Amino acid sequence: MHTTTIPNWRKSTFCNGATACVEVAPLADGNVALRDSKVEDGPVLVFTPSEWAAFTAGVRDGEFDLQTLAAAAG
């Protein structure tokens, strides 16, 4: 990730203080960064606003629920 400012990383309130969560950060260019909270210096995924909107809509719609994925696989 190429940025001159340090992102304001946030964890979900569902993490309840756990260290094994993902963190997201809005970037100055409008993109959204995602990382593993356990590996702060690790890789960062960067999504465009439309990619992030599609992902979060899929989460809300249950597209990634384990039952949905299992049903689709077999």
PDB file of N, CA and C in Angstrom:
ATOM      1  N   MET A   1       0.857  -1.170   0.000  1.00  0.00           N
ATOM      2  CA  MET A   1       0.000   0.000   0.000  1.00  0.00           C
ATOM      3  C   MET A   1       0.899   1.227   0.000  1.00  0.00           C
ATOM      4  N   HIS A   2       0.652   2.105  -0.925  1.00  0.00           N
ATOM      5  CA  HIS A   2       1.454   3.317  -1.019  1.00  0.00           C
ATOM      6  C   HIS A   2       0.628   4.489  -0.518  1.00  0.00           C
ATOM      7  N   THR A   3       0.977   4.977   0.637  1.00  0.00           N
ATOM      8  CA  THR A   3       0.259   6.120   1.194  1.00  0.00           C
ATOM      9  C   THR A   3       1.231   6.922   2.052  1.00  0.00           C
ATOM     10  N   THR A   4       1.027   8.202   2.105  1.00  0.00           N
ATOM     11  CA  THR A   4       1.930   9.035   2.893  1.00  0.00           C
ATOM     12  C   THR A   4       1.417   9.241   4.307  1.00  0.00           C
ATOM     13  N   THR A   5       0.178   8.837   4.573  1.00  0.00           N
ATOM     14  CA  THR A   5      -0.363   8.962   5.916  1.00  0.00           C
ATOM     15  C   THR A   5      -0.670   7.578   6.467  1.00  0.00           C
ATOM     16  N   ILE A   6      -0.627   7.466   7.770  1.00  0.00           N
ATOM     17  CA  ILE A   6      -0.945   6.193   8.407  1.00  0.00           C
ATOM     18  C   ILE A   6      -2.464   6.066   8.464  1.00  0.00           C
ATOM     19  N   PRO A   7      -2.998   4.955   7.943  1.00  0.00           N
ATOM     20  CA  PRO A   7      -4.453   4.799   7.955  1.00  0.00           C
ATOM     21  C   PRO A   7      -5.005   4.700   9.379  1.00  0.00           C
ATOM     22  N   ASN A   8      -6.252   5.077   9.523  1.00  0.00           N
ATOM     23  CA  ASN A   8      -6.957   4.958  10.791  1.00  0.00           C
ATOM     24  C   ASN A   8      -7.639   3.588  10.812  1.00  0.00           C
ATOM     25  N   TRP A   9      -6.913   2.563  11.269  1.00  0.00           N
ATOM     26  CA  TRP A   9      -7.416   1.189  11.266  1.00  0.00           C
ATOM     27  C   TRP A   9      -8.522   1.033  12.303  1.00  0.00           C
ATOM     28  N   ARG A  10      -9.576   0.287  11.928  1.00  0.00           N
ATOM     29  CA  ARG A  10     -10.694   0.014  12.829  1.00  0.00           C
ATOM     30  C   ARG A  10     -11.035  -1.464  12.795  1.00  0.00           C
ATOM     31  N   LYS A  11     -11.381  -2.012  13.963  1.00  0.00           N
ATOM     32  CA  LYS A  11     -11.878  -3.384  14.071  1.00  0.00           C
ATOM     33  C   LYS A  11     -13.387  -3.326  14.271  1.00  0.00           C
ATOM     34  N   SER A  12     -14.031  -4.398  13.908  1.00  0.00           N
ATOM     35  CA  SER A  12     -15.463  -4.512  14.162  1.00  0.00           C
ATOM     36  C   SER A  12     -15.722  -4.543  15.661  1.00  0.00           C
ATOM     37  N   THR A  13     -16.859  -4.012  16.064  1.00  0.00           N
ATOM     38  CA  THR A  13     -17.239  -4.103  17.468  1.00  0.00           C
ATOM     39  C   THR A  13     -17.515  -5.546  17.866  1.00  0.00           C
ATOM     40  N   PHE A  14     -17.720  -6.433  16.899  1.00  0.00           N
ATOM     41  CA  PHE A  14     -17.936  -7.847  17.183  1.00  0.00           C
ATOM     42  C   PHE A  14     -16.658  -8.544  17.639  1.00  0.00           C
ATOM     43  N   CYS A  15     -15.504  -7.908  17.470  1.00  0.00           N
ATOM     44  CA  CYS A  15     -14.236  -8.499  17.903  1.00  0.00           C
ATOM     45  C   CYS A  15     -14.132  -8.549  19.431  1.00  0.00           C
ATOM     46  N   ASN A  16     -14.798  -7.642  20.109  1.00  0.00           N
ATOM     47  CA  ASN A  16     -14.811  -7.630  21.571  1.00  0.00           C
ATOM     48  C   ASN A  16     -13.417  -7.720  22.176  1.00  0.00           C
ATOM     49  N   GLY A  17     -12.455  -6.981  21.638  1.00  0.00           N
ATOM     50  CA  GLY A  17     -11.110  -6.956  22.186  1.00  0.00           C
ATOM     51  C   GLY A  17     -10.225  -8.105  21.734  1.00  0.00           C
ATOM     52  N   ALA A  18     -10.727  -8.995  20.901  1.00  0.00           N
ATOM     53  CA  ALA A  18      -9.921 -10.113  20.401  1.00  0.00           C
ATOM     54  C   ALA A  18      -8.813  -9.600  19.500  1.00  0.00           C
ATOM     55  N   THR A  19      -7.721 -10.337  19.441  1.00  0.00           N
ATOM     56  CA  THR A  19      -6.615  -9.925  18.577  1.00  0.00           C
ATOM     57  C   THR A  19      -6.705 -10.547  17.189  1.00  0.00           C
ATOM     58  N   ALA A  20      -7.499 -11.584  17.027  1.00  0.00           N
ATOM     59  CA  ALA A  20      -7.609 -12.279  15.750  1.00  0.00           C
ATOM     60  C   ALA A  20      -8.796 -11.754  14.952  1.00  0.00           C
ATOM     61  N   CYS A  21      -8.669 -10.552  14.459  1.00  0.00           N
ATOM     62  CA  CYS A  21      -9.733  -9.922  13.681  1.00  0.00           C
ATOM     63  C   CYS A  21      -9.124  -9.293  12.426  1.00  0.00           C
ATOM     64  N   VAL A  22      -9.982  -8.858  11.559  1.00  0.00           N
ATOM     65  CA  VAL A  22      -9.515  -8.047  10.447  1.00  0.00           C
ATOM     66  C   VAL A  22      -9.744  -6.589  10.802  1.00  0.00           C
ATOM     67  N   GLU A  23      -8.954  -5.722  10.201  1.00  0.00           N
ATOM     68  CA  GLU A  23      -9.115  -4.284  10.399  1.00  0.00           C
ATOM     69  C   GLU A  23      -9.309  -3.630   9.038  1.00  0.00           C
ATOM     70  N   VAL A  24     -10.104  -2.594   9.009  1.00  0.00           N
ATOM     71  CA  VAL A  24     -10.332  -1.831   7.790  1.00  0.00           C
ATOM     72  C   VAL A  24      -9.948  -0.383   8.025  1.00  0.00           C
ATOM     73  N   ALA A  25      -9.601   0.295   6.946  1.00  0.00           N
ATOM     74  CA  ALA A  25      -9.246   1.711   7.041  1.00  0.00           C
ATOM     75  C   ALA A  25      -9.633   2.407   5.738  1.00  0.00           C
ATOM     76  N   PRO A  26     -10.358   3.517   5.855  1.00  0.00           N
ATOM     77  CA  PRO A  26     -10.617   4.325   4.662  1.00  0.00           C
ATOM     78  C   PRO A  26      -9.328   5.046   4.271  1.00  0.00           C
ATOM     79  N   LEU A  27      -9.049   5.104   2.991  1.00  0.00           N
ATOM     80  CA  LEU A  27      -7.846   5.776   2.498  1.00  0.00           C
ATOM     81  C   LEU A  27      -8.219   7.116   1.867  1.00  0.00           C
ATOM     82  N   ALA A  28      -7.261   8.004   1.821  1.00  0.00           N
ATOM     83  CA  ALA A  28      -7.490   9.361   1.312  1.00  0.00           C
ATOM     84  C   ALA A  28      -7.988   9.371  -0.134  1.00  0.00           C
ATOM     85  N   ASP A  29      -7.615   8.355  -0.918  1.00  0.00           N
ATOM     86  CA  ASP A  29      -8.032   8.317  -2.323  1.00  0.00           C
ATOM     87  C   ASP A  29      -9.411   7.697  -2.524  1.00  0.00           C
ATOM     88  N   GLY A  30     -10.095   7.358  -1.415  1.00  0.00           N
ATOM     89  CA  GLY A  30     -11.430   6.778  -1.503  1.00  0.00           C
ATOM     90  C   GLY A  30     -11.460   5.268  -1.431  1.00  0.00           C
ATOM     91  N   ASN A  31     -10.312   4.629  -1.561  1.00  0.00           N
ATOM     92  CA  ASN A  31     -10.249   3.179  -1.462  1.00  0.00           C
ATOM     93  C   ASN A  31     -10.344   2.743  -0.009  1.00  0.00           C
ATOM     94  N   VAL A  32     -10.481   1.443   0.191  1.00  0.00           N
ATOM     95  CA  VAL A  32     -10.575   0.868   1.537  1.00  0.00           C
ATOM     96  C   VAL A  32      -9.496  -0.190   1.690  1.00  0.00           C
ATOM     97  N   ALA A  33      -8.728  -0.112   2.779  1.00  0.00           N
ATOM     98  CA  ALA A  33      -7.668  -1.077   3.057  1.00  0.00           C
ATOM     99  C   ALA A  33      -8.155  -2.096   4.079  1.00  0.00           C
ATOM    100  N   LEU A  34      -7.650  -3.324   3.961  1.00  0.00           N
ATOM    101  CA  LEU A  34      -8.030  -4.416   4.853  1.00  0.00           C
ATOM    102  C   LEU A  34      -6.769  -5.165   5.241  1.00  0.00           C
ATOM    103  N   ARG A  35      -6.628  -5.503   6.540  1.00  0.00           N
ATOM    104  CA  ARG A  35      -5.459  -6.265   6.980  1.00  0.00           C
ATOM    105  C   ARG A  35      -5.842  -7.181   8.136  1.00  0.00           C
ATOM    106  N   ASP A  36      -4.937  -8.109   8.442  1.00  0.00           N
ATOM    107  CA  ASP A  36      -5.058  -9.011   9.579  1.00  0.00           C
ATOM    108  C   ASP A  36      -4.541  -8.275  10.803  1.00  0.00           C
ATOM    109  N   SER A  37      -5.342  -8.172  11.847  1.00  0.00           N
ATOM    110  CA  SER A  37      -4.934  -7.412  13.024  1.00  0.00           C
ATOM    111  C   SER A  37      -3.744  -8.028  13.755  1.00  0.00           C
ATOM    112  N   LYS A  38      -3.517  -9.320  13.565  1.00  0.00           N
ATOM    113  CA  LYS A  38      -2.393  -9.975  14.231  1.00  0.00           C
ATOM    114  C   LYS A  38      -1.060  -9.655  13.572  1.00  0.00           C
ATOM    115  N   VAL A  39      -1.086  -9.219  12.323  1.00  0.00           N
ATOM    116  CA  VAL A  39       0.134  -8.989  11.548  1.00  0.00           C
ATOM    117  C   VAL A  39       0.103  -7.560  11.025  1.00  0.00           C
ATOM    118  N   GLU A  40       0.358  -6.601  11.901  1.00  0.00           N
ATOM    119  CA  GLU A  40       0.231  -5.189  11.527  1.00  0.00           C
ATOM    120  C   GLU A  40       1.171  -4.785  10.396  1.00  0.00           C
ATOM    121  N   ASP A  41       2.315  -5.429  10.290  1.00  0.00           N
ATOM    122  CA  ASP A  41       3.249  -5.115   9.204  1.00  0.00           C
ATOM    123  C   ASP A  41       3.076  -6.046   8.012  1.00  0.00           C
ATOM    124  N   GLY A  42       2.043  -6.864   8.027  1.00  0.00           N
ATOM    125  CA  GLY A  42       1.801  -7.829   6.966  1.00  0.00           C
ATOM    126  C   GLY A  42       1.146  -7.208   5.752  1.00  0.00           C
ATOM    127  N   PRO A  43       0.705  -8.065   4.851  1.00  0.00           N
ATOM    128  CA  PRO A  43       0.093  -7.582   3.608  1.00  0.00           C
ATOM    129  C   PRO A  43      -1.226  -6.852   3.865  1.00  0.00           C
ATOM    130  N   VAL A  44      -1.520  -5.928   2.982  1.00  0.00           N
ATOM    131  CA  VAL A  44      -2.749  -5.141   3.044  1.00  0.00           C
ATOM    132  C   VAL A  44      -3.459  -5.297   1.707  1.00  0.00           C
ATOM    133  N   LEU A  45      -4.738  -5.596   1.759  1.00  0.00           N
ATOM    134  CA  LEU A  45      -5.555  -5.633   0.549  1.00  0.00           C
ATOM    135  C   LEU A  45      -6.215  -4.272   0.397  1.00  0.00           C
ATOM    136  N   VAL A  46      -6.263  -3.762  -0.817  1.00  0.00           N
ATOM    137  CA  VAL A  46      -6.889  -2.459  -1.069  1.00  0.00           C
ATOM    138  C   VAL A  46      -8.007  -2.657  -2.084  1.00  0.00           C
ATOM    139  N   PHE A  47      -9.177  -2.146  -1.728  1.00  0.00           N
ATOM    140  CA  PHE A  47     -10.365  -2.280  -2.555  1.00  0.00           C
ATOM    141  C   PHE A  47     -10.845  -0.919  -3.025  1.00  0.00           C
ATOM    142  N   THR A  48     -11.345  -0.859  -4.251  1.00  0.00           N
ATOM    143  CA  THR A  48     -11.986   0.357  -4.739  1.00  0.00           C
ATOM    144  C   THR A  48     -13.328   0.499  -4.016  1.00  0.00           C
ATOM    145  N   PRO A  49     -13.910   1.680  -4.046  1.00  0.00           N
ATOM    146  CA  PRO A  49     -15.225   1.841  -3.401  1.00  0.00           C
ATOM    147  C   PRO A  49     -16.281   0.873  -3.938  1.00  0.00           C
ATOM    148  N   SER A  50     -16.294   0.626  -5.237  1.00  0.00           N
ATOM    149  CA  SER A  50     -17.305  -0.293  -5.788  1.00  0.00           C
ATOM    150  C   SER A  50     -17.019  -1.739  -5.386  1.00  0.00           C
ATOM    151  N   GLU A  51     -15.754  -2.128  -5.314  1.00  0.00           N
ATOM    152  CA  GLU A  51     -15.413  -3.475  -4.843  1.00  0.00           C
ATOM    153  C   GLU A  51     -15.827  -3.653  -3.387  1.00  0.00           C
ATOM    154  N   TRP A  52     -15.547  -2.647  -2.553  1.00  0.00           N
ATOM    155  CA  TRP A  52     -15.901  -2.710  -1.141  1.00  0.00           C
ATOM    156  C   TRP A  52     -17.423  -2.771  -0.964  1.00  0.00           C
ATOM    157  N   ALA A  53     -18.148  -1.990  -1.742  1.00  0.00           N
ATOM    158  CA  ALA A  53     -19.610  -2.000  -1.661  1.00  0.00           C
ATOM    159  C   ALA A  53     -20.162  -3.371  -2.048  1.00  0.00           C
ATOM    160  N   ALA A  54     -19.606  -3.983  -3.085  1.00  0.00           N
ATOM    161  CA  ALA A  54     -20.060  -5.314  -3.501  1.00  0.00           C
ATOM    162  C   ALA A  54     -19.755  -6.352  -2.424  1.00  0.00           C
ATOM    163  N   PHE A  55     -18.576  -6.273  -1.830  1.00  0.00           N
ATOM    164  CA  PHE A  55     -18.204  -7.210  -0.766  1.00  0.00           C
ATOM    165  C   PHE A  55     -19.126  -7.063   0.447  1.00  0.00           C
ATOM    166  N   THR A  56     -19.309  -5.844   0.923  1.00  0.00           N
ATOM    167  CA  THR A  56     -20.136  -5.658   2.115  1.00  0.00           C
ATOM    168  C   THR A  56     -21.604  -6.018   1.843  1.00  0.00           C
ATOM    169  N   ALA A  57     -22.077  -5.783   0.628  1.00  0.00           N
ATOM    170  CA  ALA A  57     -23.441  -6.199   0.275  1.00  0.00           C
ATOM    171  C   ALA A  57     -23.545  -7.720   0.314  1.00  0.00           C
ATOM    172  N   GLY A  58     -22.517  -8.419  -0.168  1.00  0.00           N
ATOM    173  CA  GLY A  58     -22.507  -9.877  -0.113  1.00  0.00           C
ATOM    174  C   GLY A  58     -22.502 -10.398   1.317  1.00  0.00           C
ATOM    175  N   VAL A  59     -21.767  -9.736   2.183  1.00  0.00           N
ATOM    176  CA  VAL A  59     -21.752 -10.130   3.604  1.00  0.00           C
ATOM    177  C   VAL A  59     -23.149  -9.954   4.198  1.00  0.00           C
ATOM    178  N   ARG A  60     -23.752  -8.792   3.958  1.00  0.00           N
ATOM    179  CA  ARG A  60     -25.091  -8.528   4.496  1.00  0.00           C
ATOM    180  C   ARG A  60     -26.125  -9.517   3.968  1.00  0.00           C
ATOM    181  N   ASP A  61     -25.961  -9.940   2.709  1.00  0.00           N
ATOM    182  CA  ASP A  61     -26.926 -10.843   2.080  1.00  0.00           C
ATOM    183  C   ASP A  61     -26.667 -12.313   2.399  1.00  0.00           C
ATOM    184  N   GLY A  62     -25.613 -12.599   3.169  1.00  0.00           N
ATOM    185  CA  GLY A  62     -25.315 -13.976   3.545  1.00  0.00           C
ATOM    186  C   GLY A  62     -24.568 -14.770   2.485  1.00  0.00           C
ATOM    187  N   GLU A  63     -24.044 -14.089   1.490  1.00  0.00           N
ATOM    188  CA  GLU A  63     -23.360 -14.753   0.376  1.00  0.00           C
ATOM    189  C   GLU A  63     -22.158 -15.588   0.833  1.00  0.00           C
ATOM    190  N   PHE A  64     -21.539 -15.221   1.941  1.00  0.00           N
ATOM    191  CA  PHE A  64     -20.335 -15.900   2.399  1.00  0.00           C
ATOM    192  C   PHE A  64     -20.568 -16.765   3.634  1.00  0.00           C
ATOM    193  N   ASP A  65     -21.832 -16.943   4.039  1.00  0.00           N
ATOM    194  CA  ASP A  65     -22.138 -17.800   5.172  1.00  0.00           C
ATOM    195  C   ASP A  65     -21.700 -19.228   4.844  1.00  0.00           C
ATOM    196  N   LEU A  66     -21.204 -19.937   5.834  1.00  0.00           N
ATOM    197  CA  LEU A  66     -20.695 -21.290   5.610  1.00  0.00           C
ATOM    198  C   LEU A  66     -21.763 -22.210   5.017  1.00  0.00           C
ATOM    199  N   GLN A  67     -23.006 -22.084   5.459  1.00  0.00           N
ATOM    200  CA  GLN A  67     -24.067 -22.923   4.922  1.00  0.00           C
ATOM    201  C   GLN A  67     -24.303 -22.642   3.437  1.00  0.00           C
ATOM    202  N   THR A  68     -24.241 -21.379   3.063  1.00  0.00           N
ATOM    203  CA  THR A  68     -24.432 -20.996   1.667  1.00  0.00           C
ATOM    204  C   THR A  68     -23.298 -21.530   0.805  1.00  0.00           C
ATOM    205  N   LEU A  69     -22.077 -21.416   1.301  1.00  0.00           N
ATOM    206  CA  LEU A  69     -20.919 -21.906   0.547  1.00  0.00           C
ATOM    207  C   LEU A  69     -20.952 -23.416   0.415  1.00  0.00           C
ATOM    208  N   ALA A  70     -21.336 -24.129   1.474  1.00  0.00           N
ATOM    209  CA  ALA A  70     -21.420 -25.595   1.424  1.00  0.00           C
ATOM    210  C   ALA A  70     -22.486 -26.052   0.438  1.00  0.00           C
ATOM    211  N   ALA A  71     -23.632 -25.368   0.436  1.00  0.00           N
ATOM    212  CA  ALA A  71     -24.708 -25.726  -0.486  1.00  0.00           C
ATOM    213  C   ALA A  71     -24.290 -25.509  -1.935  1.00  0.00           C
ATOM    214  N   ALA A  72     -23.556 -24.443  -2.187  1.00  0.00           N
ATOM    215  CA  ALA A  72     -23.117 -24.132  -3.546  1.00  0.00           C
ATOM    216  C   ALA A  72     -22.059 -25.129  -4.026  1.00  0.00           C
ATOM    217  N   ALA A  73     -21.281 -25.668  -3.086  1.00  0.00           N
ATOM    218  CA  ALA A  73     -20.209 -26.600  -3.449  1.00  0.00           C
ATOM    219  C   ALA A  73     -20.719 -28.004  -3.729  1.00  0.00           C
ATOM    220  N   GLY A  74     -21.870 -28.324  -3.211  1.00  0.00           N
ATOM    221  CA  GLY A  74     -22.184 -29.697  -3.417  1.00  0.00           C
ATOM    222  C   GLY A  74     -23.540 -30.138  -3.295  1.00  0.00           C
TER     223      GLY A  74
END
